Structures are given as structure tokens and as C-alpha cells.
mmCIF file of all heavy atoms, coordinates in Angstrom:
data_MODEL
# 
_entry.id   MODEL 
# 
loop_
_atom_site.group_PDB 
_atom_site.id 
_atom_site.type_symbol 
_atom_site.label_atom_id 
_atom_site.label_alt_id 
_atom_site.label_comp_id 
_atom_site.label_asym_id 
_atom_site.label_entity_id 
_atom_site.label_seq_id 
_atom_site.pdbx_PDB_ins_code 
_atom_site.Cartn_x 
_atom_site.Cartn_y 
_atom_site.Cartn_z 
_atom_site.occupancy 
_atom_site.B_iso_or_equiv 
_atom_site.pdbx_formal_charge 
_atom_site.auth_seq_id 
_atom_site.auth_comp_id 
_atom_site.auth_asym_id 
_atom_site.auth_atom_id 
_atom_site.pdbx_PDB_model_num 
ATOM 1   N N   . TYR A 1 1  ? 0.837  -1.208 0.000   1.00 0.00 ? 1  TYR A N   1 
ATOM 2   C CA  . TYR A 1 1  ? 0.000  0.000  0.000   1.00 0.00 ? 1  TYR A CA  1 
ATOM 3   C C   . TYR A 1 1  ? 0.870  1.256  0.000   1.00 0.00 ? 1  TYR A C   1 
ATOM 4   O O   . TYR A 1 1  ? 0.558  2.234  -0.690  1.00 0.00 ? 1  TYR A O   1 
ATOM 5   C CB  . TYR A 1 1  ? -0.914 -0.012 1.224   1.00 0.00 ? 1  TYR A CB  1 
ATOM 6   C CG  . TYR A 1 1  ? -2.022 1.007  1.166   1.00 0.00 ? 1  TYR A CG  1 
ATOM 7   C CD1 . TYR A 1 1  ? -3.233 0.706  0.549   1.00 0.00 ? 1  TYR A CD1 1 
ATOM 8   C CD2 . TYR A 1 1  ? -1.858 2.274  1.721   1.00 0.00 ? 1  TYR A CD2 1 
ATOM 9   C CE1 . TYR A 1 1  ? -4.252 1.646  0.494   1.00 0.00 ? 1  TYR A CE1 1 
ATOM 10  C CE2 . TYR A 1 1  ? -2.880 3.214  1.664   1.00 0.00 ? 1  TYR A CE2 1 
ATOM 11  C CZ  . TYR A 1 1  ? -4.067 2.896  1.045   1.00 0.00 ? 1  TYR A CZ  1 
ATOM 12  O OH  . TYR A 1 1  ? -5.074 3.837  0.972   1.00 0.00 ? 1  TYR A OH  1 
ATOM 13  N N   . GLN A 1 2  ? 1.951  1.211  0.750   1.00 0.00 ? 2  GLN A N   1 
ATOM 14  C CA  . GLN A 1 2  ? 2.881  2.336  0.777   1.00 0.00 ? 2  GLN A CA  1 
ATOM 15  C C   . GLN A 1 2  ? 3.481  2.574  -0.604  1.00 0.00 ? 2  GLN A C   1 
ATOM 16  O O   . GLN A 1 2  ? 3.591  3.723  -1.056  1.00 0.00 ? 2  GLN A O   1 
ATOM 17  C CB  . GLN A 1 2  ? 3.988  2.070  1.800   1.00 0.00 ? 2  GLN A CB  1 
ATOM 18  C CG  . GLN A 1 2  ? 5.167  3.025  1.761   1.00 0.00 ? 2  GLN A CG  1 
ATOM 19  C CD  . GLN A 1 2  ? 4.805  4.437  2.172   1.00 0.00 ? 2  GLN A CD  1 
ATOM 20  O OE1 . GLN A 1 2  ? 3.844  4.635  2.922   1.00 0.00 ? 2  GLN A OE1 1 
ATOM 21  N NE2 . GLN A 1 2  ? 5.564  5.421  1.727   1.00 0.00 ? 2  GLN A NE2 1 
ATOM 22  N N   . LYS A 1 3  ? 3.840  1.502  -1.284  1.00 0.00 ? 3  LYS A N   1 
ATOM 23  C CA  . LYS A 1 3  ? 4.472  1.610  -2.601  1.00 0.00 ? 3  LYS A CA  1 
ATOM 24  C C   . LYS A 1 3  ? 3.488  2.056  -3.674  1.00 0.00 ? 3  LYS A C   1 
ATOM 25  O O   . LYS A 1 3  ? 3.805  2.922  -4.497  1.00 0.00 ? 3  LYS A O   1 
ATOM 26  C CB  . LYS A 1 3  ? 5.075  0.264  -3.009  1.00 0.00 ? 3  LYS A CB  1 
ATOM 27  C CG  . LYS A 1 3  ? 5.698  0.268  -4.407  1.00 0.00 ? 3  LYS A CG  1 
ATOM 28  C CD  . LYS A 1 3  ? 6.172  -1.115 -4.802  1.00 0.00 ? 3  LYS A CD  1 
ATOM 29  C CE  . LYS A 1 3  ? 6.880  -1.071 -6.157  1.00 0.00 ? 3  LYS A CE  1 
ATOM 30  N NZ  . LYS A 1 3  ? 6.000  -0.635 -7.269  1.00 0.00 ? 3  LYS A NZ  1 
ATOM 31  N N   . VAL A 1 4  ? 2.296  1.491  -3.656  1.00 0.00 ? 4  VAL A N   1 
ATOM 32  C CA  . VAL A 1 4  ? 1.343  1.707  -4.746  1.00 0.00 ? 4  VAL A CA  1 
ATOM 33  C C   . VAL A 1 4  ? 0.488  2.954  -4.542  1.00 0.00 ? 4  VAL A C   1 
ATOM 34  O O   . VAL A 1 4  ? 0.172  3.662  -5.504  1.00 0.00 ? 4  VAL A O   1 
ATOM 35  C CB  . VAL A 1 4  ? 0.432  0.469  -4.908  1.00 0.00 ? 4  VAL A CB  1 
ATOM 36  C CG1 . VAL A 1 4  ? -0.644 0.713  -5.964  1.00 0.00 ? 4  VAL A CG1 1 
ATOM 37  C CG2 . VAL A 1 4  ? 1.266  -0.753 -5.268  1.00 0.00 ? 4  VAL A CG2 1 
ATOM 38  N N   . VAL A 1 5  ? 0.116  3.250  -3.293  1.00 0.00 ? 5  VAL A N   1 
ATOM 39  C CA  . VAL A 1 5  ? -0.834 4.325  -3.018  1.00 0.00 ? 5  VAL A CA  1 
ATOM 40  C C   . VAL A 1 5  ? -0.180 5.531  -2.346  1.00 0.00 ? 5  VAL A C   1 
ATOM 41  O O   . VAL A 1 5  ? -0.192 6.646  -2.891  1.00 0.00 ? 5  VAL A O   1 
ATOM 42  C CB  . VAL A 1 5  ? -1.999 3.814  -2.150  1.00 0.00 ? 5  VAL A CB  1 
ATOM 43  C CG1 . VAL A 1 5  ? -2.981 4.959  -1.860  1.00 0.00 ? 5  VAL A CG1 1 
ATOM 44  C CG2 . VAL A 1 5  ? -2.716 2.658  -2.838  1.00 0.00 ? 5  VAL A CG2 1 
ATOM 45  N N   . THR A 1 6  ? 0.387  5.319  -1.169  1.00 0.00 ? 6  THR A N   1 
ATOM 46  C CA  . THR A 1 6  ? 0.858  6.447  -0.356  1.00 0.00 ? 6  THR A CA  1 
ATOM 47  C C   . THR A 1 6  ? 1.997  7.214  -1.019  1.00 0.00 ? 6  THR A C   1 
ATOM 48  O O   . THR A 1 6  ? 1.940  8.439  -1.156  1.00 0.00 ? 6  THR A O   1 
ATOM 49  C CB  . THR A 1 6  ? 1.298  5.954  1.032   1.00 0.00 ? 6  THR A CB  1 
ATOM 50  O OG1 . THR A 1 6  ? 0.227  5.232  1.642   1.00 0.00 ? 6  THR A OG1 1 
ATOM 51  C CG2 . THR A 1 6  ? 1.682  7.134  1.915   1.00 0.00 ? 6  THR A CG2 1 
ATOM 52  N N   . ALA A 1 7  ? 3.049  6.501  -1.412  1.00 0.00 ? 7  ALA A N   1 
ATOM 53  C CA  . ALA A 1 7  ? 4.223  7.169  -1.985  1.00 0.00 ? 7  ALA A CA  1 
ATOM 54  C C   . ALA A 1 7  ? 3.897  7.910  -3.288  1.00 0.00 ? 7  ALA A C   1 
ATOM 55  O O   . ALA A 1 7  ? 4.280  9.075  -3.440  1.00 0.00 ? 7  ALA A O   1 
ATOM 56  C CB  . ALA A 1 7  ? 5.351  6.157  -2.191  1.00 0.00 ? 7  ALA A CB  1 
ATOM 57  N N   . PRO A 1 8  ? 3.200  7.295  -4.248  1.00 0.00 ? 8  PRO A N   1 
ATOM 58  C CA  . PRO A 1 8  ? 2.872  8.028  -5.471  1.00 0.00 ? 8  PRO A CA  1 
ATOM 59  C C   . PRO A 1 8  ? 1.991  9.256  -5.235  1.00 0.00 ? 8  PRO A C   1 
ATOM 60  O O   . PRO A 1 8  ? 2.213  10.300 -5.851  1.00 0.00 ? 8  PRO A O   1 
ATOM 61  C CB  . PRO A 1 8  ? 2.133  6.983  -6.316  1.00 0.00 ? 8  PRO A CB  1 
ATOM 62  C CG  . PRO A 1 8  ? 2.649  5.680  -5.838  1.00 0.00 ? 8  PRO A CG  1 
ATOM 63  C CD  . PRO A 1 8  ? 2.849  5.861  -4.362  1.00 0.00 ? 8  PRO A CD  1 
ATOM 64  N N   . SER A 1 9  ? 0.997  9.140  -4.360  1.00 0.00 ? 9  SER A N   1 
ATOM 65  C CA  . SER A 1 9  ? 0.132  10.300 -4.104  1.00 0.00 ? 9  SER A CA  1 
ATOM 66  C C   . SER A 1 9  ? 0.909  11.432 -3.453  1.00 0.00 ? 9  SER A C   1 
ATOM 67  O O   . SER A 1 9  ? 0.685  12.607 -3.762  1.00 0.00 ? 9  SER A O   1 
ATOM 68  C CB  . SER A 1 9  ? -1.055 9.900  -3.224  1.00 0.00 ? 9  SER A CB  1 
ATOM 69  O OG  . SER A 1 9  ? -0.624 9.434  -1.961  1.00 0.00 ? 9  SER A OG  1 
ATOM 70  N N   . ASN A 1 10 ? 1.854  11.090 -2.576  1.00 0.00 ? 10 ASN A N   1 
ATOM 71  C CA  . ASN A 1 10 ? 2.700  12.117 -1.959  1.00 0.00 ? 10 ASN A CA  1 
ATOM 72  C C   . ASN A 1 10 ? 3.616  12.769 -2.987  1.00 0.00 ? 10 ASN A C   1 
ATOM 73  O O   . ASN A 1 10 ? 3.894  13.973 -2.918  1.00 0.00 ? 10 ASN A O   1 
ATOM 74  C CB  . ASN A 1 10 ? 3.533  11.516 -0.835  1.00 0.00 ? 10 ASN A CB  1 
ATOM 75  C CG  . ASN A 1 10 ? 2.705  11.155 0.386   1.00 0.00 ? 10 ASN A CG  1 
ATOM 76  O OD1 . ASN A 1 10 ? 1.584  11.635 0.549   1.00 0.00 ? 10 ASN A OD1 1 
ATOM 77  N ND2 . ASN A 1 10 ? 3.240  10.304 1.238   1.00 0.00 ? 10 ASN A ND2 1 
ATOM 78  N N   . ALA A 1 11 ? 4.090  11.972 -3.947  1.00 0.00 ? 11 ALA A N   1 
ATOM 79  C CA  . ALA A 1 11 ? 4.996  12.502 -4.966  1.00 0.00 ? 11 ALA A CA  1 
ATOM 80  C C   . ALA A 1 11 ? 4.271  13.403 -5.959  1.00 0.00 ? 11 ALA A C   1 
ATOM 81  O O   . ALA A 1 11 ? 4.836  14.370 -6.470  1.00 0.00 ? 11 ALA A O   1 
ATOM 82  C CB  . ALA A 1 11 ? 5.676  11.349 -5.704  1.00 0.00 ? 11 ALA A CB  1 
ATOM 83  N N   . VAL A 1 12 ? 3.016  13.106 -6.234  1.00 0.00 ? 12 VAL A N   1 
ATOM 84  C CA  . VAL A 1 12 ? 2.244  13.891 -7.201  1.00 0.00 ? 12 VAL A CA  1 
ATOM 85  C C   . VAL A 1 12 ? 1.774  15.223 -6.594  1.00 0.00 ? 12 VAL A C   1 
ATOM 86  O O   . VAL A 1 12 ? 1.523  16.189 -7.316  1.00 0.00 ? 12 VAL A O   1 
ATOM 87  C CB  . VAL A 1 12 ? 1.039  13.066 -7.706  1.00 0.00 ? 12 VAL A CB  1 
ATOM 88  C CG1 . VAL A 1 12 ? 0.060  13.936 -8.487  1.00 0.00 ? 12 VAL A CG1 1 
ATOM 89  C CG2 . VAL A 1 12 ? 1.524  11.923 -8.579  1.00 0.00 ? 12 VAL A CG2 1 
ATOM 90  N N   . THR A 1 13 ? 1.698  15.273 -5.278  1.00 0.00 ? 13 THR A N   1 
ATOM 91  C CA  . THR A 1 13 ? 1.219  16.492 -4.600  1.00 0.00 ? 13 THR A CA  1 
ATOM 92  C C   . THR A 1 13 ? 2.003  17.739 -5.006  1.00 0.00 ? 13 THR A C   1 
ATOM 93  O O   . THR A 1 13 ? 1.402  18.762 -5.345  1.00 0.00 ? 13 THR A O   1 
ATOM 94  C CB  . THR A 1 13 ? 1.246  16.306 -3.069  1.00 0.00 ? 13 THR A CB  1 
ATOM 95  O OG1 . THR A 1 13 ? 0.361  15.235 -2.712  1.00 0.00 ? 13 THR A OG1 1 
ATOM 96  C CG2 . THR A 1 13 ? 0.824  17.575 -2.359  1.00 0.00 ? 13 THR A CG2 1 
ATOM 97  N N   . PRO A 1 14 ? 3.356  17.723 -5.010  1.00 0.00 ? 14 PRO A N   1 
ATOM 98  C CA  . PRO A 1 14 ? 4.087  18.909 -5.475  1.00 0.00 ? 14 PRO A CA  1 
ATOM 99  C C   . PRO A 1 14 ? 4.218  18.988 -6.994  1.00 0.00 ? 14 PRO A C   1 
ATOM 100 O O   . PRO A 1 14 ? 4.532  20.055 -7.532  1.00 0.00 ? 14 PRO A O   1 
ATOM 101 C CB  . PRO A 1 14 ? 5.468  18.747 -4.827  1.00 0.00 ? 14 PRO A CB  1 
ATOM 102 C CG  . PRO A 1 14 ? 5.645  17.270 -4.714  1.00 0.00 ? 14 PRO A CG  1 
ATOM 103 C CD  . PRO A 1 14 ? 4.271  16.719 -4.430  1.00 0.00 ? 14 PRO A CD  1 
ATOM 104 N N   . LEU A 1 15 ? 3.975  17.880 -7.686  1.00 0.00 ? 15 LEU A N   1 
ATOM 105 C CA  . LEU A 1 15 ? 4.133  17.868 -9.139  1.00 0.00 ? 15 LEU A CA  1 
ATOM 106 C C   . LEU A 1 15 ? 3.046  18.677 -9.837  1.00 0.00 ? 15 LEU A C   1 
ATOM 107 O O   . LEU A 1 15 ? 3.331  19.438 -10.774 1.00 0.00 ? 15 LEU A O   1 
ATOM 108 C CB  . LEU A 1 15 ? 4.128  16.420 -9.643  1.00 0.00 ? 15 LEU A CB  1 
ATOM 109 C CG  . LEU A 1 15 ? 4.117  16.229 -11.164 1.00 0.00 ? 15 LEU A CG  1 
ATOM 110 C CD1 . LEU A 1 15 ? 5.357  16.854 -11.799 1.00 0.00 ? 15 LEU A CD1 1 
ATOM 111 C CD2 . LEU A 1 15 ? 4.021  14.736 -11.505 1.00 0.00 ? 15 LEU A CD2 1 
ATOM 112 N N   . ILE A 1 16 ? 1.819  18.530 -9.410  1.00 0.00 ? 16 ILE A N   1 
ATOM 113 C CA  . ILE A 1 16 ? 0.707  19.192 -10.094 1.00 0.00 ? 16 ILE A CA  1 
ATOM 114 C C   . ILE A 1 16 ? 0.809  20.714 -10.047 1.00 0.00 ? 16 ILE A C   1 
ATOM 115 O O   . ILE A 1 16 ? 0.673  21.378 -11.084 1.00 0.00 ? 16 ILE A O   1 
ATOM 116 C CB  . ILE A 1 16 ? -0.639 18.697 -9.533  1.00 0.00 ? 16 ILE A CB  1 
ATOM 117 C CG1 . ILE A 1 16 ? -0.819 17.214 -9.855  1.00 0.00 ? 16 ILE A CG1 1 
ATOM 118 C CG2 . ILE A 1 16 ? -1.795 19.514 -10.106 1.00 0.00 ? 16 ILE A CG2 1 
ATOM 119 C CD1 . ILE A 1 16 ? -2.071 16.593 -9.286  1.00 0.00 ? 16 ILE A CD1 1 
ATOM 120 N N   . PRO A 1 17 ? 1.055  21.328 -8.886  1.00 0.00 ? 17 PRO A N   1 
ATOM 121 C CA  . PRO A 1 17 ? 1.196  22.794 -8.893  1.00 0.00 ? 17 PRO A CA  1 
ATOM 122 C C   . PRO A 1 17 ? 2.389  23.267 -9.720  1.00 0.00 ? 17 PRO A C   1 
ATOM 123 O O   . PRO A 1 17 ? 2.330  24.328 -10.346 1.00 0.00 ? 17 PRO A O   1 
ATOM 124 C CB  . PRO A 1 17 ? 1.359  23.156 -7.416  1.00 0.00 ? 17 PRO A CB  1 
ATOM 125 C CG  . PRO A 1 17 ? 1.708  21.888 -6.727  1.00 0.00 ? 17 PRO A CG  1 
ATOM 126 C CD  . PRO A 1 17 ? 1.070  20.791 -7.510  1.00 0.00 ? 17 PRO A CD  1 
ATOM 127 N N   . ALA A 1 18 ? 3.476  22.492 -9.732  1.00 0.00 ? 18 ALA A N   1 
ATOM 128 C CA  . ALA A 1 18 ? 4.628  22.852 -10.556 1.00 0.00 ? 18 ALA A CA  1 
ATOM 129 C C   . ALA A 1 18 ? 4.249  22.809 -12.031 1.00 0.00 ? 18 ALA A C   1 
ATOM 130 O O   . ALA A 1 18 ? 4.673  23.663 -12.826 1.00 0.00 ? 18 ALA A O   1 
ATOM 131 C CB  . ALA A 1 18 ? 5.798  21.907 -10.274 1.00 0.00 ? 18 ALA A CB  1 
ATOM 132 N N   . ALA A 1 19 ? 3.440  21.828 -12.403 1.00 0.00 ? 19 ALA A N   1 
ATOM 133 C CA  . ALA A 1 19 ? 2.970  21.721 -13.791 1.00 0.00 ? 19 ALA A CA  1 
ATOM 134 C C   . ALA A 1 19 ? 2.032  22.873 -14.132 1.00 0.00 ? 19 ALA A C   1 
ATOM 135 O O   . ALA A 1 19 ? 2.068  23.407 -15.251 1.00 0.00 ? 19 ALA A O   1 
ATOM 136 C CB  . ALA A 1 19 ? 2.258  20.387 -13.986 1.00 0.00 ? 19 ALA A CB  1 
ATOM 137 N N   . GLN A 1 20 ? 1.198  23.272 -13.194 1.00 0.00 ? 20 GLN A N   1 
ATOM 138 C CA  . GLN A 1 20 ? 0.275  24.382 -13.430 1.00 0.00 ? 20 GLN A CA  1 
ATOM 139 C C   . GLN A 1 20 ? 1.018  25.697 -13.652 1.00 0.00 ? 20 GLN A C   1 
ATOM 140 O O   . GLN A 1 20 ? 0.692  26.467 -14.557 1.00 0.00 ? 20 GLN A O   1 
ATOM 141 C CB  . GLN A 1 20 ? -0.696 24.517 -12.244 1.00 0.00 ? 20 GLN A CB  1 
ATOM 142 C CG  . GLN A 1 20 ? -1.712 23.393 -12.145 1.00 0.00 ? 20 GLN A CG  1 
ATOM 143 C CD  . GLN A 1 20 ? -2.568 23.488 -10.893 1.00 0.00 ? 20 GLN A CD  1 
ATOM 144 O OE1 . GLN A 1 20 ? -2.048 23.656 -9.788  1.00 0.00 ? 20 GLN A OE1 1 
ATOM 145 N NE2 . GLN A 1 20 ? -3.878 23.373 -11.041 1.00 0.00 ? 20 GLN A NE2 1 
ATOM 146 N N   . VAL A 1 21 ? 2.022  25.954 -12.822 1.00 0.00 ? 21 VAL A N   1 
ATOM 147 C CA  . VAL A 1 21 ? 2.793  27.192 -12.938 1.00 0.00 ? 21 VAL A CA  1 
ATOM 148 C C   . VAL A 1 21 ? 3.517  27.242 -14.279 1.00 0.00 ? 21 VAL A C   1 
ATOM 149 O O   . VAL A 1 21 ? 3.479  28.261 -14.997 1.00 0.00 ? 21 VAL A O   1 
ATOM 150 C CB  . VAL A 1 21 ? 3.800  27.308 -11.772 1.00 0.00 ? 21 VAL A CB  1 
ATOM 151 C CG1 . VAL A 1 21 ? 4.774  28.465 -12.022 1.00 0.00 ? 21 VAL A CG1 1 
ATOM 152 C CG2 . VAL A 1 21 ? 3.070  27.524 -10.457 1.00 0.00 ? 21 VAL A CG2 1 
ATOM 153 N N   . LEU A 1 22 ? 4.171  26.140 -14.641 1.00 0.00 ? 22 LEU A N   1 
ATOM 154 C CA  . LEU A 1 22 ? 4.951  26.122 -15.884 1.00 0.00 ? 22 LEU A CA  1 
ATOM 155 C C   . LEU A 1 22 ? 4.052  26.245 -17.102 1.00 0.00 ? 22 LEU A C   1 
ATOM 156 O O   . LEU A 1 22 ? 4.335  27.035 -18.017 1.00 0.00 ? 22 LEU A O   1 
ATOM 157 C CB  . LEU A 1 22 ? 5.776  24.835 -15.952 1.00 0.00 ? 22 LEU A CB  1 
ATOM 158 C CG  . LEU A 1 22 ? 6.587  24.625 -17.239 1.00 0.00 ? 22 LEU A CG  1 
ATOM 159 C CD1 . LEU A 1 22 ? 7.566  25.777 -17.463 1.00 0.00 ? 22 LEU A CD1 1 
ATOM 160 C CD2 . LEU A 1 22 ? 7.309  23.285 -17.203 1.00 0.00 ? 22 LEU A CD2 1 
ATOM 161 N N   . SER A 1 23 ? 2.975  25.481 -17.151 1.00 0.00 ? 23 SER A N   1 
ATOM 162 C CA  . SER A 1 23 ? 2.092  25.522 -18.322 1.00 0.00 ? 23 SER A CA  1 
ATOM 163 C C   . SER A 1 23 ? 1.440  26.891 -18.478 1.00 0.00 ? 23 SER A C   1 
ATOM 164 O O   . SER A 1 23 ? 1.287  27.394 -19.597 1.00 0.00 ? 23 SER A O   1 
ATOM 165 C CB  . SER A 1 23 ? 1.025  24.426 -18.220 1.00 0.00 ? 23 SER A CB  1 
ATOM 166 O OG  . SER A 1 23 ? 0.257  24.557 -17.045 1.00 0.00 ? 23 SER A OG  1 
ATOM 167 N N   . GLN A 1 24 ? 1.075  27.520 -17.377 1.00 0.00 ? 24 GLN A N   1 
ATOM 168 C CA  . GLN A 1 24 ? 0.482  28.855 -17.441 1.00 0.00 ? 24 GLN A CA  1 
ATOM 169 C C   . GLN A 1 24 ? 1.471  29.874 -17.984 1.00 0.00 ? 24 GLN A C   1 
ATOM 170 O O   . GLN A 1 24 ? 1.110  30.742 -18.800 1.00 0.00 ? 24 GLN A O   1 
ATOM 171 C CB  . GLN A 1 24 ? -0.003 29.286 -16.047 1.00 0.00 ? 24 GLN A CB  1 
ATOM 172 C CG  . GLN A 1 24 ? -0.642 30.668 -16.010 1.00 0.00 ? 24 GLN A CG  1 
ATOM 173 C CD  . GLN A 1 24 ? -1.877 30.762 -16.885 1.00 0.00 ? 24 GLN A CD  1 
ATOM 174 O OE1 . GLN A 1 24 ? -2.665 29.816 -16.953 1.00 0.00 ? 24 GLN A OE1 1 
ATOM 175 N NE2 . GLN A 1 24 ? -2.052 31.893 -17.557 1.00 0.00 ? 24 GLN A NE2 1 
ATOM 176 N N   . GLN A 1 25 ? 2.715  29.778 -17.552 1.00 0.00 ? 25 GLN A N   1 
ATOM 177 C CA  . GLN A 1 25 ? 3.739  30.709 -18.029 1.00 0.00 ? 25 GLN A CA  1 
ATOM 178 C C   . GLN A 1 25 ? 4.007  30.514 -19.519 1.00 0.00 ? 25 GLN A C   1 
ATOM 179 O O   . GLN A 1 25 ? 4.180  31.479 -20.262 1.00 0.00 ? 25 GLN A O   1 
ATOM 180 C CB  . GLN A 1 25 ? 5.031  30.529 -17.226 1.00 0.00 ? 25 GLN A CB  1 
ATOM 181 C CG  . GLN A 1 25 ? 6.086  31.602 -17.485 1.00 0.00 ? 25 GLN A CG  1 
ATOM 182 C CD  . GLN A 1 25 ? 5.656  32.965 -16.968 1.00 0.00 ? 25 GLN A CD  1 
ATOM 183 O OE1 . GLN A 1 25 ? 4.801  33.067 -16.080 1.00 0.00 ? 25 GLN A OE1 1 
ATOM 184 N NE2 . GLN A 1 25 ? 6.231  34.022 -17.507 1.00 0.00 ? 25 GLN A NE2 1 
ATOM 185 N N   . LEU A 1 26 ? 4.019  29.279 -19.952 1.00 0.00 ? 26 LEU A N   1 
ATOM 186 C CA  . LEU A 1 26 ? 4.231  28.989 -21.371 1.00 0.00 ? 26 LEU A CA  1 
ATOM 187 C C   . LEU A 1 26 ? 3.087  29.549 -22.210 1.00 0.00 ? 26 LEU A C   1 
ATOM 188 O O   . LEU A 1 26 ? 3.305  30.069 -23.318 1.00 0.00 ? 26 LEU A O   1 
ATOM 189 C CB  . LEU A 1 26 ? 4.357  27.478 -21.588 1.00 0.00 ? 26 LEU A CB  1 
ATOM 190 C CG  . LEU A 1 26 ? 5.632  26.823 -21.061 1.00 0.00 ? 26 LEU A CG  1 
ATOM 191 C CD1 . LEU A 1 26 ? 5.514  25.306 -21.130 1.00 0.00 ? 26 LEU A CD1 1 
ATOM 192 C CD2 . LEU A 1 26 ? 6.854  27.288 -21.849 1.00 0.00 ? 26 LEU A CD2 1 
ATOM 193 N N   . VAL A 1 27 ? 1.867  29.446 -21.698 1.00 0.00 ? 27 VAL A N   1 
ATOM 194 C CA  . VAL A 1 27 ? 0.707  30.007 -22.404 1.00 0.00 ? 27 VAL A CA  1 
ATOM 195 C C   . VAL A 1 27 ? 0.839  31.525 -22.505 1.00 0.00 ? 27 VAL A C   1 
ATOM 196 O O   . VAL A 1 27 ? 0.552  32.119 -23.560 1.00 0.00 ? 27 VAL A O   1 
ATOM 197 C CB  . VAL A 1 27 ? -0.603 29.631 -21.671 1.00 0.00 ? 27 VAL A CB  1 
ATOM 198 C CG1 . VAL A 1 27 ? -1.780 30.444 -22.241 1.00 0.00 ? 27 VAL A CG1 1 
ATOM 199 C CG2 . VAL A 1 27 ? -0.881 28.142 -21.823 1.00 0.00 ? 27 VAL A CG2 1 
ATOM 200 N N   . GLN A 1 28 ? 1.288  32.171 -21.449 1.00 0.00 ? 28 GLN A N   1 
ATOM 201 C CA  . GLN A 1 28 ? 1.441  33.623 -21.463 1.00 0.00 ? 28 GLN A CA  1 
ATOM 202 C C   . GLN A 1 28 ? 2.476  34.061 -22.495 1.00 0.00 ? 28 GLN A C   1 
ATOM 203 O O   . GLN A 1 28 ? 2.277  35.071 -23.185 1.00 0.00 ? 28 GLN A O   1 
ATOM 204 C CB  . GLN A 1 28 ? 1.840  34.115 -20.071 1.00 0.00 ? 28 GLN A CB  1 
ATOM 205 C CG  . GLN A 1 28 ? 0.723  34.000 -19.036 1.00 0.00 ? 28 GLN A CG  1 
ATOM 206 C CD  . GLN A 1 28 ? 1.149  34.480 -17.668 1.00 0.00 ? 28 GLN A CD  1 
ATOM 207 O OE1 . GLN A 1 28 ? 2.280  34.932 -17.472 1.00 0.00 ? 28 GLN A OE1 1 
ATOM 208 N NE2 . GLN A 1 28 ? 0.257  34.377 -16.692 1.00 0.00 ? 28 GLN A NE2 1 
# 
């Protein structure tokens, strides 16, 4: 459960806002 669920969800938490910031800047 740690490998499949907990660790990936924790890793994606900072990834999504970083993706939002970068994609928005590229659009601008």
C-alpha cells in the first residue's frame, strides 16, 4: 500500500502545482 498508493500520491502532490505554474507561463 505504501508503494502503490501512499508514496505516489505524496509525490504527485508537489508535481501538479509545478505543472500548473509552468504551463500557465508557457501560455502567457
